[in-house]
Amino acid sequence: MSTPPPTIARAEDSPAASLRREGLERWRANDFAGASEVLARAVALAPQDPASRLDFGIALQGAGRHGEAVEALTAAQQLLPNDAAPFLHAAVSLMALGRMHEALQAASDVRHRAPNSPQTHYT
């Protein structure tokens, strides 16, 4: 009688990944407040997961919570320094807060960080 192979837990099976999927489902349904609550729990379980951090910031932005969105997106920038998305979304929230100089700086900085990203050509 042979022993079955060991079960290997996959990242997409983790509780944080399940919460991220639930948050994205709420996001797609335009429930940004609900998405941000669920994604906050995903970030708490996996604080170094860049995708959850980014999604959390964007959900906060969608819920109109721009101050919190800037904080979350700044954390995502640390994990995704060469990705245009957290910088551009932060710029949008900074504009919504009336912080135009910072928004323009964030949008300008993204050209240097992610010069090959198509998103940088629209700033």
Protein backbone atom coordinates (compact mmCIF):
# COMPACT_ATOMS: atom_id res chain seq x y z
CA MET A 1 0.00 0.00 0.00
CA SER A 2 1.58 3.25 -1.09
CA THR A 3 1.46 6.49 0.82
CA PRO A 4 -0.40 9.33 -0.96
CA PRO A 5 1.74 12.30 -1.92
CA PRO A 6 1.73 15.16 0.57
CA THR A 7 -0.76 17.91 0.01
CA ILE A 8 0.84 21.20 -0.86
CA ALA A 9 -1.12 24.29 0.02
CA ARG A 10 -1.29 26.70 -2.87
CA ALA A 11 -1.29 30.45 -2.36
CA GLU A 12 -4.62 30.78 -4.17
CA ASP A 13 -6.15 28.46 -1.54
CA SER A 14 -5.13 30.66 1.39
CA PRO A 15 -7.69 32.53 3.49
CA ALA A 16 -6.24 35.84 2.25
CA ALA A 17 -6.67 34.75 -1.38
CA SER A 18 -10.28 33.74 -0.70
CA LEU A 19 -10.96 37.14 0.85
CA ARG A 20 -9.32 38.88 -2.11
CA ARG A 21 -11.58 36.97 -4.52
CA GLU A 22 -14.64 37.92 -2.45
CA GLY A 23 -13.51 41.55 -2.40
CA LEU A 24 -13.07 41.57 -6.17
CA GLU A 25 -16.55 40.09 -6.63
CA ARG A 26 -18.00 42.94 -4.57
CA TRP A 27 -15.88 45.42 -6.52
CA ARG A 28 -17.26 44.09 -9.84
CA ALA A 29 -20.75 44.57 -8.41
CA ASN A 30 -19.85 48.23 -7.67
CA ASP A 31 -20.00 47.56 -3.92
CA PHE A 32 -16.80 49.47 -3.18
CA ALA A 33 -17.56 49.91 0.52
CA GLY A 34 -18.09 46.17 0.92
CA ALA A 35 -15.05 45.41 -1.24
CA SER A 36 -12.83 47.66 0.85
CA GLU A 37 -13.97 45.97 4.08
CA VAL A 38 -13.23 42.49 2.74
CA LEU A 39 -9.95 43.53 1.13
CA ALA A 40 -8.85 45.15 4.41
CA ARG A 41 -9.15 41.71 6.00
CA ALA A 42 -7.15 40.16 3.13
CA VAL A 43 -4.39 42.74 3.65
CA ALA A 44 -4.38 42.06 7.40
CA LEU A 45 -3.79 38.36 6.70
CA ALA A 46 -1.19 38.90 3.96
CA PRO A 47 0.33 42.37 4.37
CA GLN A 48 3.11 41.69 1.86
CA ASP A 49 0.73 40.65 -0.95
CA PRO A 50 1.04 43.46 -3.51
CA ALA A 51 -2.16 42.59 -5.40
CA SER A 52 -4.31 42.75 -2.25
CA ARG A 53 -2.71 46.05 -1.24
CA LEU A 54 -3.36 47.56 -4.66
CA ASP A 55 -6.94 46.25 -4.84
CA PHE A 56 -7.64 47.58 -1.34
CA GLY A 57 -6.45 51.06 -2.31
CA ILE A 58 -8.51 51.08 -5.49
CA ALA A 59 -11.61 49.88 -3.60
CA LEU A 60 -11.16 52.68 -1.06
CA GLN A 61 -10.87 55.10 -3.96
CA GLY A 62 -14.09 53.75 -5.47
CA ALA A 63 -15.81 54.20 -2.11
CA GLY A 64 -14.74 57.85 -2.08
CA ARG A 65 -12.36 57.34 0.85
CA HIS A 66 -9.49 59.13 -0.87
CA GLY A 67 -7.35 59.89 2.16
CA GLU A 68 -7.28 56.22 3.15
CA ALA A 69 -6.80 55.26 -0.51
CA VAL A 70 -3.64 57.37 -0.73
CA GLU A 71 -2.25 55.59 2.35
CA ALA A 72 -3.08 52.13 0.98
CA LEU A 73 -1.76 52.96 -2.47
CA THR A 74 1.45 54.35 -1.00
CA ALA A 75 1.94 50.99 0.73
CA ALA A 76 1.26 49.25 -2.60
CA GLN A 77 3.88 51.46 -4.26
CA GLN A 78 6.50 50.04 -1.91
CA LEU A 79 5.60 46.51 -2.99
CA LEU A 80 5.17 47.38 -6.69
CA PRO A 81 7.82 50.05 -7.38
CA ASN A 82 7.85 49.44 -11.14
CA ASP A 83 4.10 49.17 -11.65
CA ALA A 84 2.26 52.27 -12.86
CA ALA A 85 -1.10 51.39 -11.28
CA PRO A 86 -0.53 52.29 -7.61
CA PHE A 87 1.10 55.59 -8.59
CA LEU A 88 -1.62 56.61 -11.04
CA HIS A 89 -4.44 55.64 -8.67
CA ALA A 90 -2.73 57.59 -5.89
CA ALA A 91 -2.57 60.60 -8.23
CA VAL A 92 -6.32 60.36 -8.84
CA SER A 93 -7.06 60.27 -5.11
CA LEU A 94 -4.66 63.13 -4.47
CA MET A 95 -6.53 65.19 -7.09
CA ALA A 96 -9.84 64.32 -5.44
CA LEU A 97 -8.38 65.66 -2.18
CA GLY A 98 -7.35 68.90 -3.90
CA ARG A 99 -3.65 68.09 -3.53
CA MET A 100 -2.86 68.96 -7.16
CA HIS A 101 0.88 69.50 -6.84
CA GLU A 102 1.35 66.07 -5.24
CA ALA A 103 -0.97 64.48 -7.81
CA LEU A 104 1.01 65.93 -10.71
CA GLN A 105 4.26 64.82 -9.11
CA ALA A 106 2.93 61.26 -8.64
CA ALA A 107 1.73 61.12 -12.24
CA SER A 108 5.04 62.46 -13.48
CA ASP A 109 7.10 60.06 -11.35
CA VAL A 110 5.36 57.07 -12.87
CA ARG A 111 6.99 57.77 -16.24
CA HIS A 112 10.38 57.13 -14.67
CA ARG A 113 9.30 54.10 -12.68
CA ALA A 114 7.40 52.26 -15.40
CA PRO A 115 8.48 53.74 -18.75
CA ASN A 116 7.26 50.69 -20.69
CA SER A 117 3.77 50.70 -19.19
CA PRO A 118 1.09 51.86 -21.64
CA GLN A 119 -0.59 53.69 -18.73
CA THR A 120 2.33 56.11 -18.45
CA HIS A 121 1.66 57.50 -21.90
CA TYR A 122 -1.68 58.93 -20.80
CA THR A 123 -0.32 61.10 -17.99
